[in-house]
């Protein structure tokens, strides 16, 4: 049933307790009668107020129900809107770790109030003002006496397993969650960890033994949690404490990558050139009156943080997880409204899940007013053979304003890209670049960077080009 102004959230069909929909573009959450006792306990126990005060749970207002389809409605709530929805397979190590720690902290608070997280999906966490926050109010339910944590396996698959693999093996292994929407299967995690599954107590217990018990009988595993087959609250708290210790002790072993020192590489910019570039970008940000910025190829975030400090909310993308990690940590220290994400622009996040609608693609989430593309064009045009017209189309789809840097073919970095391949890029010239991008954008300003052959442009999308 379709009603004017009513749009269902495509990812909200699995929960029998309610669903998310949009009315006039604003998000709402319907709560079904089956969830009444859980919702009332959440409010009466004081847990909701505690979580909202600590900014661990997205706040909401109870509102009048809209004429939406279906029977059995109990209440309708209007949660605070999350400006940009990201997914766990786009998060860096520390982002996923912070989300995991938040989940466990909420579980501990819930136990104090006689409640529990009935599921521990990483997709229930989003980032708001640079911090993780729980967005699924209906995941909190009344604690059933002597029952084990039903979300234990889910937590291990969606948080602990990818964190262990990123820490012990390779930070890129979080990308496995793109093909495993329910989290990395514990048996697969055990195989990929290899000897690390035996050397780490947390991996041994929560991954290796957990997966072995699943292979034989998950029921048998639960029943042996205590002598009499019951799972006491003390055992519950012990499990959560064990998981918390496991996550908290994990660190990212790799700290340097091919691109992590790019922003300080003197082969790209002298001190004078870099300062001129910074001044010019800052001026362009002011002219565009940027409020929501997408920084593409953000590296370790020098210009990301500049945009945020100028008053913009920034989503920063880079394909190097080490660069994203460094950016995330620095933004966390400075408490900036920045969300650094791992993304290969030549192969961006696709739409996946049920009917390819459950998780949105990058471009389905586009809507920035300003796009930064600094020291990026040559990588896409030469390393990935993407024609300039297609790059112009992409940027026009992402935002209204474009701050872009053209790096010419005789630049040392471009020469490095061409070192072991044939130069088939006769159209990669400044003149061709300006002509191509002028079809999608008006060029508001151009600046040659002092001491460099690179050029910065401020462009505005033509109104009919979206």
Protein backbone atom coordinates (compact mmCIF):
# COMPACT_ATOMS: atom_id res chain seq x y z
CA UNK A 1 0.00 0.00 0.00
CA UNK A 2 1.46 3.35 -1.06
CA UNK A 3 0.29 6.58 0.54
CA UNK A 4 1.19 10.12 -0.54
CA UNK A 5 4.29 11.28 1.33
CA UNK A 6 4.91 7.85 2.92
CA UNK A 7 8.16 6.09 1.95
CA UNK A 8 9.36 2.87 3.58
CA UNK A 9 13.02 2.53 4.60
CA UNK A 10 14.29 -0.34 2.46
CA UNK A 11 16.55 -1.74 5.21
CA UNK A 12 13.84 -1.87 7.89
CA UNK A 13 11.82 -4.94 6.95
CA UNK A 14 13.46 -7.57 9.17
CA UNK A 15 12.31 -6.30 12.58
CA UNK A 16 8.87 -7.64 13.64
CA UNK A 17 8.67 -5.01 16.39
CA UNK A 18 8.40 -2.03 14.07
CA UNK A 19 9.88 -0.28 11.08
CA UNK A 20 11.32 2.99 9.84
CA UNK A 21 9.60 5.13 7.26
CA UNK A 22 9.80 8.67 5.92
CA UNK A 23 7.04 11.22 5.84
CA UNK A 24 7.76 14.46 4.03
CA UNK A 25 11.43 13.46 4.02
CA UNK A 26 11.64 13.17 7.83
CA UNK A 27 12.35 9.80 9.53
CA UNK A 28 9.78 8.09 11.77
CA UNK A 29 9.72 4.78 13.59
CA UNK A 30 6.55 2.79 14.08
CA UNK A 31 6.45 0.59 17.18
CA UNK A 32 4.18 -2.46 17.07
CA UNK A 33 2.10 -3.65 20.02
CA UNK A 34 4.40 -6.67 20.43
CA UNK A 35 7.13 -4.32 21.61
CA UNK A 36 4.99 -2.38 24.10
CA UNK A 37 6.41 -3.85 27.31
CA UNK A 38 9.97 -3.40 26.11
CA UNK A 39 9.45 0.23 25.12
CA UNK A 40 7.68 1.06 28.38
CA UNK A 41 10.46 -0.56 30.41
CA UNK A 42 13.03 1.45 28.46
CA UNK A 43 11.34 4.69 29.51
CA UNK A 44 10.31 3.74 33.06
CA UNK A 45 13.67 2.22 34.01
CA UNK A 46 15.48 5.47 33.23
CA UNK A 47 17.69 3.71 30.67
CA UNK A 48 16.48 5.84 27.77
CA UNK A 49 17.27 9.06 29.64
CA UNK A 50 20.72 7.80 30.68
CA UNK A 51 21.67 6.73 27.17
CA UNK A 52 20.45 9.94 25.57
CA UNK A 53 22.26 12.10 28.12
CA UNK A 54 25.51 10.29 27.36
CA UNK A 55 24.83 10.62 23.63
CA UNK A 56 24.87 6.84 23.26
CA UNK A 57 21.33 6.60 21.87
CA UNK A 58 19.66 8.81 19.30
CA UNK A 59 16.90 10.86 20.99
CA UNK A 60 13.30 10.80 19.77
CA UNK A 61 9.93 12.44 20.26
CA UNK A 62 6.63 10.60 20.41
CA UNK A 63 4.32 11.90 17.68
CA UNK A 64 0.87 11.32 16.30
CA UNK A 65 0.72 8.29 14.04
CA UNK A 66 0.50 8.87 10.32
CA UNK A 67 -1.93 6.95 8.16
CA UNK A 68 0.57 4.27 7.28
CA UNK A 69 -0.23 0.72 6.23
CA UNK A 70 -0.57 -2.20 8.61
CA UNK A 71 -2.39 -2.97 11.84
CA UNK A 72 -1.12 -3.44 15.36
CA UNK A 73 0.58 -0.07 15.79
CA UNK A 74 1.40 0.94 19.36
CA UNK A 75 3.29 4.23 19.02
CA UNK A 76 5.16 6.34 16.49
CA UNK A 77 8.40 8.10 17.33
CA UNK A 78 10.41 10.69 15.43
CA UNK A 79 14.17 10.10 15.99
CA UNK A 80 16.84 12.69 15.37
CA UNK A 81 17.94 12.48 11.76
CA UNK A 82 21.39 11.08 10.96
CA UNK A 83 22.79 13.31 8.17
CA UNK A 84 24.82 10.58 6.47
CA UNK A 85 24.35 6.83 6.74
CA UNK A 86 27.59 4.86 6.61
CA UNK A 87 28.18 1.12 6.83
CA UNK A 88 30.60 -1.01 8.89
CA UNK A 89 32.51 -2.16 5.80
CA UNK A 90 33.38 1.52 5.19
CA UNK A 91 34.75 2.13 8.69
CA UNK A 92 38.41 2.11 9.65
CA UNK A 93 39.72 -0.04 12.48
CA UNK A 94 39.25 2.55 15.23
CA UNK A 95 35.80 3.48 13.95
CA UNK A 96 34.66 -0.13 14.15
CA UNK A 97 36.34 -0.53 17.54
CA UNK A 98 34.58 2.54 18.95
CA UNK A 99 31.26 1.21 17.66
CA UNK A 100 31.96 -2.16 19.31
CA UNK A 101 32.86 -0.56 22.64
CA UNK A 102 29.71 1.57 22.52
CA UNK A 103 27.61 -1.55 21.94
CA UNK A 104 29.13 -3.28 24.97
CA UNK A 105 28.81 -0.18 27.16
CA UNK A 106 25.13 0.07 26.26
CA UNK A 107 24.69 -3.62 27.08
CA UNK A 108 26.23 -3.07 30.54
CA UNK A 109 23.95 -0.09 31.18
CA UNK A 110 20.98 -2.12 30.02
CA UNK A 111 21.74 -4.93 32.46
CA UNK A 112 21.74 -2.41 35.31
CA UNK A 113 18.15 -1.55 34.32
CA UNK A 114 16.91 -5.11 33.79
CA UNK A 115 17.20 -4.83 30.02
CA UNK A 116 19.39 -6.16 27.24
CA UNK A 117 20.35 -5.56 23.63
CA UNK A 118 18.24 -8.10 21.79
CA UNK A 119 20.52 -7.75 18.80
CA UNK A 120 24.02 -6.35 18.41
CA UNK A 121 24.09 -5.46 14.74
CA UNK A 122 26.88 -3.15 13.67
CA UNK A 123 24.31 -1.57 11.33
CA UNK A 124 22.47 -0.28 14.41
CA UNK A 125 25.39 2.08 15.00
CA UNK A 126 25.89 5.30 13.07
CA UNK A 127 28.21 8.28 13.52
CA UNK A 128 26.85 11.66 14.60
CA UNK A 129 29.11 14.66 15.24
CA UNK A 130 32.13 12.39 14.92
CA UNK A 131 30.95 9.89 17.56
CA UNK A 132 29.23 6.49 17.31
CA UNK A 133 25.60 6.38 18.43
CA UNK A 134 22.92 3.67 18.63
CA UNK A 135 20.03 4.41 16.28
CA UNK A 136 17.85 1.34 16.91
CA UNK A 137 15.71 2.09 19.97
CA UNK A 138 13.78 -1.15 19.44
CA UNK A 139 16.90 -3.29 19.88
CA UNK A 140 16.61 -2.74 23.65
CA UNK A 141 14.29 -5.22 25.36
CA UNK A 142 13.39 -6.63 28.75
CA UNK A 143 15.98 -9.07 30.13
CA UNK A 144 14.55 -12.57 30.41
CA UNK A 145 15.81 -14.31 33.53
CA UNK A 146 18.48 -17.00 33.09
CA UNK A 147 18.59 -16.57 29.33
CA UNK A 148 21.93 -16.27 27.47
CA UNK A 149 22.73 -13.24 25.37
CA UNK A 150 21.02 -13.94 22.07
CA UNK A 151 23.20 -11.37 20.31
CA UNK A 152 26.52 -12.94 21.35
CA UNK A 153 27.16 -14.65 18.03
CA UNK A 154 26.09 -11.55 16.12
CA UNK A 155 28.50 -9.38 18.09
CA UNK A 156 31.35 -11.79 17.41
CA UNK A 157 30.61 -11.92 13.69
CA UNK A 158 29.99 -8.22 13.10
CA UNK A 159 32.49 -6.70 15.53
CA UNK A 160 35.05 -9.01 17.09
CA UNK A 161 35.89 -11.15 14.04
CA UNK A 162 36.54 -8.23 11.66
CA UNK A 163 38.48 -6.35 14.34
CA UNK A 164 40.70 -9.36 15.00
CA UNK A 165 41.33 -9.84 11.28
CA UNK A 166 42.13 -6.15 10.81
CA UNK A 167 44.45 -6.17 13.80
CA UNK A 168 46.23 -9.51 13.29
CA UNK A 169 46.12 -9.86 9.52
CA UNK A 170 45.29 -6.87 7.32
CA UNK A 171 43.11 -3.76 7.85
CA UNK A 172 41.54 -4.31 4.41
CA UNK A 173 39.86 -7.52 5.60
CA UNK A 174 36.92 -5.51 6.93
CA UNK A 175 35.84 -5.43 3.29
CA UNK A 176 34.73 -9.05 3.75
CA UNK A 177 31.61 -7.59 5.38
CA UNK A 178 30.54 -6.41 1.93
CA UNK A 179 29.86 -10.00 0.93
CA UNK A 180 28.90 -11.21 4.42
CA UNK A 181 26.08 -8.88 5.48
CA UNK A 182 25.45 -10.85 8.68
CA UNK A 183 29.09 -10.54 9.66
CA UNK A 184 32.14 -12.69 9.03
CA UNK A 185 31.25 -16.34 9.75
CA UNK A 186 33.21 -17.53 12.77
CA UNK A 187 34.53 -20.58 10.94
CA UNK A 188 35.91 -18.33 8.18
CA UNK A 189 37.41 -15.98 10.76
CA UNK A 190 39.04 -18.95 12.47
CA UNK A 191 40.58 -20.09 9.19
CA UNK A 192 41.86 -16.63 8.25
CA UNK A 193 43.31 -16.01 11.70
CA UNK A 194 45.32 -19.21 11.53
CA UNK A 195 47.75 -19.50 14.44
CA UNK A 196 46.50 -16.18 15.83
CA UNK A 197 43.30 -17.98 16.82
CA UNK A 198 45.40 -19.97 19.31
CA UNK A 199 47.81 -17.26 20.45
CA UNK A 200 45.14 -14.83 21.59
CA UNK A 201 42.87 -15.81 24.51
CA UNK A 202 39.97 -13.72 23.20
CA UNK A 203 40.28 -15.21 19.71
CA UNK A 204 40.61 -18.71 21.17
CA UNK A 205 37.46 -18.40 23.28
CA UNK A 206 35.16 -16.16 21.26
CA UNK A 207 36.17 -17.26 17.76
CA UNK A 208 37.79 -20.70 17.78
CA UNK A 209 35.85 -22.40 20.59
CA UNK A 210 32.68 -20.50 19.70
CA UNK A 211 32.85 -21.70 16.09
CA UNK A 212 33.66 -25.26 17.16
CA UNK A 213 30.67 -25.32 19.50
CA UNK A 214 28.47 -24.04 16.68
CA UNK A 215 29.65 -26.88 14.47
CA UNK A 216 28.55 -29.47 17.02
CA UNK A 217 25.61 -27.91 18.78
CA UNK A 218 24.92 -24.32 19.78
CA UNK A 219 22.28 -25.64 22.20
CA UNK A 220 24.85 -27.81 23.98
CA UNK A 221 27.16 -24.79 24.29
CA UNK A 222 24.45 -22.67 25.92
CA UNK A 223 23.38 -25.39 28.34
CA UNK A 224 26.88 -25.87 29.64
CA UNK A 225 27.25 -22.17 30.48
CA UNK A 226 26.33 -23.03 34.08
CA UNK A 227 26.00 -26.30 35.97
CA UNK A 228 22.22 -26.20 36.10
CA UNK A 229 21.83 -25.06 32.47
CA UNK A 230 20.83 -21.51 33.40
CA UNK A 231 22.67 -18.40 32.26
CA UNK A 232 22.83 -16.19 35.33
CA UNK A 233 23.16 -12.43 35.26
CA UNK A 234 26.63 -12.86 36.73
CA UNK A 235 27.59 -15.08 33.80
CA UNK A 236 26.03 -12.54 31.43
CA UNK A 237 28.13 -9.72 32.88
CA UNK A 238 31.23 -11.92 32.77
CA UNK A 239 30.66 -12.55 29.06
CA UNK A 240 30.26 -8.84 28.32
CA UNK A 241 33.35 -7.99 30.38
CA UNK A 242 35.33 -10.61 28.49
CA UNK A 243 34.25 -9.19 25.14
CA UNK A 244 35.01 -5.67 26.31
CA UNK A 245 38.52 -6.67 27.34
CA UNK A 246 39.03 -8.48 24.04
CA UNK A 247 38.02 -5.46 21.96
CA UNK A 248 39.78 -2.89 24.13
CA UNK A 249 43.12 -4.71 23.90
CA UNK A 250 43.12 -4.86 20.11
CA UNK A 251 45.40 -2.47 18.25
CA UNK A 252 46.19 -1.89 14.61
CA UNK A 253 49.70 -3.23 14.01
CA UNK A 254 50.23 -1.44 10.68
CA UNK A 255 50.75 2.32 10.96
CA UNK A 256 52.53 3.25 7.71
CA UNK A 257 51.43 2.71 4.11
CA UNK A 258 52.41 3.82 0.61
CA UNK A 259 50.26 6.95 0.93
CA UNK A 260 50.33 7.80 4.64
CA UNK A 261 53.21 10.30 4.22
CA UNK A 262 51.91 11.86 1.02
CA UNK A 263 50.83 15.18 2.60
CA UNK A 264 54.38 15.80 3.89
CA UNK A 265 56.16 14.57 0.75
CA UNK A 266 58.42 17.39 -0.45
CA UNK A 267 58.35 15.95 -3.98
CA UNK A 268 54.72 17.07 -4.25
CA UNK A 269 54.88 20.51 -2.63
CA UNK A 270 57.50 22.81 -1.17
CA UNK A 271 56.58 24.58 2.05
CA UNK A 272 55.67 27.70 0.06
CA UNK A 273 53.55 25.70 -2.41
CA UNK A 274 51.71 23.86 0.34
CA UNK A 275 50.90 27.06 2.21
CA UNK A 276 49.61 28.65 -0.99
CA UNK A 277 47.44 25.63 -1.67
CA UNK A 278 46.05 25.72 1.88
CA UNK A 279 45.23 29.42 1.60
CA UNK A 280 43.55 28.97 -1.77
CA UNK A 281 41.44 25.99 -0.67
CA UNK A 282 40.38 27.88 2.46
CA UNK A 283 39.34 30.84 0.29
CA UNK A 284 37.37 28.57 -2.05
CA UNK A 285 35.60 26.94 0.88
CA UNK A 286 34.53 30.36 2.08
CA UNK A 287 33.27 31.31 -1.37
CA UNK A 288 31.23 28.13 -1.69
CA UNK A 289 29.80 28.66 1.83
CA UNK A 290 30.39 24.96 2.39
CA UNK A 291 28.18 23.33 5.01
CA UNK A 292 28.46 19.69 3.93
CA UNK A 293 31.71 18.66 2.28
CA UNK A 294 32.78 15.41 0.67
CA UNK A 295 36.58 15.18 0.62
CA UNK A 296 37.54 12.62 -2.02
CA UNK A 297 41.00 11.13 -1.73
CA UNK A 298 41.36 12.81 1.66
CA UNK A 299 44.60 11.02 2.58
CA UNK A 300 45.34 11.73 6.27
CA UNK A 301 42.89 14.64 6.37
CA UNK A 302 44.80 17.93 6.24
CA UNK A 303 42.10 19.57 4.11
CA UNK A 304 39.33 17.55 5.73
CA UNK A 305 39.99 19.16 9.07
CA UNK A 306 40.40 22.57 7.47
CA UNK A 307 36.91 22.29 5.97
CA UNK A 308 35.47 21.21 9.32
CA UNK A 309 37.17 24.03 11.18
CA UNK A 310 35.58 26.40 8.64
CA UNK A 311 32.16 25.23 9.83
CA UNK A 312 31.35 22.33 7.51
CA UNK A 313 30.32 18.78 8.34
CA UNK A 314 32.75 16.58 6.40
CA UNK A 315 32.68 13.06 5.02
CA UNK A 316 36.26 12.11 4.10
CA UNK A 317 36.96 9.23 1.73
CA UNK A 318 40.19 7.44 0.95
CA UNK A 319 40.99 3.93 -0.27
CA UNK A 320 43.99 3.54 2.06
CA UNK A 321 42.75 2.24 5.44
CA UNK A 322 45.92 3.46 7.17
CA UNK A 323 45.33 7.03 5.97
CA UNK A 324 41.68 6.81 7.04
CA UNK A 325 42.76 5.48 10.42
CA UNK A 326 45.15 8.40 10.95
CA UNK A 327 42.46 10.89 9.91
CA UNK A 328 39.88 9.30 12.22
CA UNK A 329 42.19 9.35 15.23
CA UNK A 330 43.17 12.99 14.71
CA UNK A 331 39.57 14.10 14.22
CA UNK A 332 38.63 12.22 17.39
CA UNK A 333 41.35 14.02 19.34
CA UNK A 334 40.18 17.39 18.00
CA UNK A 335 36.49 16.44 18.46
CA UNK A 336 35.60 17.41 14.91
CA UNK A 337 32.38 16.67 13.04
CA UNK A 338 34.16 14.50 10.50
CA UNK A 339 33.49 10.96 9.35
CA UNK A 340 36.52 9.37 7.63
CA UNK A 341 35.56 6.33 5.54
CA UNK A 342 37.42 3.72 3.51
CA UNK A 343 36.36 3.92 -0.13
CA UNK A 344 37.91 3.19 -3.51
CA UNK A 345 36.39 5.83 -5.79
CA UNK A 346 37.18 3.69 -8.85
CA UNK A 347 35.10 0.90 -7.31
CA UNK A 348 32.78 2.66 -4.82
CA UNK A 349 30.39 1.08 -2.37
CA UNK A 350 27.60 -0.65 -4.31
CA UNK A 351 23.96 -1.11 -3.39
CA UNK A 352 23.71 -4.52 -1.72
CA UNK A 353 21.40 -6.62 0.40
CA UNK A 354 17.87 -7.73 -0.38
CA UNK A 355 16.94 -6.66 -3.94
CA UNK A 356 20.05 -4.46 -3.87
CA UNK A 357 18.10 -1.97 -1.77
CA UNK A 358 18.97 -2.82 1.81
CA UNK A 359 22.29 -0.94 1.85
CA UNK A 360 22.62 2.06 -0.42
CA UNK A 361 25.38 2.78 -2.89
CA UNK A 362 27.66 5.75 -2.45
CA UNK A 363 25.88 7.80 -5.11
CA UNK A 364 22.47 7.02 -3.61
CA UNK A 365 23.73 8.80 -0.51
CA UNK A 366 25.21 11.76 -2.39
CA UNK A 367 24.14 15.26 -1.46
CA UNK A 368 27.13 17.39 -0.53
CA UNK A 369 27.10 21.09 -1.31
CA UNK A 370 30.88 21.08 -1.86
CA UNK A 371 33.19 18.36 -3.18
CA UNK A 372 36.96 18.44 -2.64
CA UNK A 373 39.05 16.55 -5.21
CA UNK A 374 42.64 17.49 -4.46
CA UNK A 375 45.56 15.61 -6.04
CA UNK A 376 43.04 13.03 -7.22
CA UNK A 377 42.27 13.52 -10.91
CA UNK A 378 45.55 12.03 -12.19
CA UNK A 379 45.06 8.85 -10.15
CA UNK A 380 41.63 8.23 -11.62
CA UNK A 381 42.43 9.34 -15.17
CA UNK A 382 45.80 7.59 -15.50
CA UNK A 383 45.95 4.78 -12.93
CA UNK A 384 42.35 3.70 -13.58
CA UNK A 385 41.91 4.91 -17.21
CA UNK A 386 38.76 6.90 -16.40
CA UNK A 387 38.07 9.50 -19.15
CA UNK A 388 37.77 13.13 -18.08
CA UNK A 389 34.09 13.43 -19.17
CA UNK A 390 33.17 10.57 -16.84
CA UNK A 391 35.01 12.25 -13.97
CA UNK A 392 33.10 15.47 -14.59
CA UNK A 393 29.83 13.50 -14.60
CA UNK A 394 30.71 11.83 -11.31
CA UNK A 395 31.57 15.05 -9.49
CA UNK A 396 28.45 16.77 -10.83
CA UNK A 397 26.36 13.95 -9.38
CA UNK A 398 27.96 14.33 -5.97
CA UNK A 399 27.67 18.01 -5.20
CA UNK A 400 27.00 21.59 -6.30
CA UNK A 401 30.44 23.13 -5.81
CA UNK A 402 33.72 21.49 -6.83
CA UNK A 403 37.19 22.41 -5.58
CA UNK A 404 39.49 20.40 -7.83
CA UNK A 405 43.21 20.24 -8.49
CA UNK A 406 44.67 19.46 -11.88
CA UNK A 407 48.09 17.79 -11.81
CA UNK A 408 49.76 18.00 -15.26
CA UNK A 409 51.53 15.20 -17.02
CA UNK A 410 55.01 16.59 -16.40
CA UNK A 411 54.47 16.59 -12.62
CA UNK A 412 56.80 14.09 -10.85
CA UNK A 413 53.82 12.20 -9.39
CA UNK A 414 52.22 11.72 -12.80
CA UNK A 415 55.55 10.71 -14.29
CA UNK A 416 55.78 8.07 -11.59
CA UNK A 417 52.38 6.71 -12.63
CA UNK A 418 53.54 6.56 -16.26
CA UNK A 419 56.91 5.04 -15.47
CA UNK A 420 56.09 1.44 -16.36
CA UNK A 421 53.28 1.87 -18.86
CA UNK A 422 52.59 3.32 -22.28
CA UNK A 423 51.40 6.93 -22.33
CA UNK A 424 48.02 6.64 -24.03
CA UNK A 425 46.63 9.78 -22.41
CA UNK A 426 46.91 12.38 -25.15
CA UNK A 427 43.71 14.04 -23.90
CA UNK A 428 45.08 14.51 -20.41
CA UNK A 429 45.97 18.20 -20.71
CA UNK A 430 44.98 21.33 -18.81
CA UNK A 431 43.16 22.69 -21.84
CA UNK A 432 41.21 19.45 -22.33
CA UNK A 433 40.43 19.30 -18.62
CA UNK A 434 38.99 22.83 -18.59
CA UNK A 435 36.97 22.26 -21.75
CA UNK A 436 35.54 18.95 -20.53
CA UNK A 437 34.61 20.15 -17.05
CA UNK A 438 33.10 23.36 -18.47
CA UNK A 439 30.29 21.27 -19.95
CA UNK A 440 29.14 20.29 -16.46
CA UNK A 441 30.41 23.21 -14.38
CA UNK A 442 31.03 26.91 -14.65
CA UNK A 443 34.60 27.76 -13.71
CA UNK A 444 34.32 30.42 -11.02
CA UNK A 445 38.05 30.76 -10.37
CA UNK A 446 41.42 29.20 -11.12
CA UNK A 447 44.74 29.55 -9.28
CA UNK A 448 48.18 28.31 -10.25
CA UNK A 449 49.94 27.01 -7.14
CA UNK A 450 53.14 28.96 -6.48
CA UNK A 451 56.28 26.93 -7.14
CA UNK A 452 54.29 24.18 -8.85
CA UNK A 453 52.70 23.41 -12.21
CA UNK A 454 49.50 22.34 -10.50
CA UNK A 455 46.27 24.36 -10.79
CA UNK A 456 43.34 24.70 -8.40
CA UNK A 457 39.83 25.38 -9.67
CA UNK A 458 36.62 26.49 -8.03
CA UNK A 459 33.67 25.26 -10.10
CA UNK A 460 29.90 25.38 -9.74
CA UNK A 461 27.61 22.78 -11.24
CA UNK A 462 25.43 24.00 -14.08
CA UNK A 463 21.81 23.95 -12.93
CA UNK A 464 20.64 21.56 -15.64
CA UNK A 465 23.48 19.08 -15.17
CA UNK A 466 22.34 17.07 -12.15
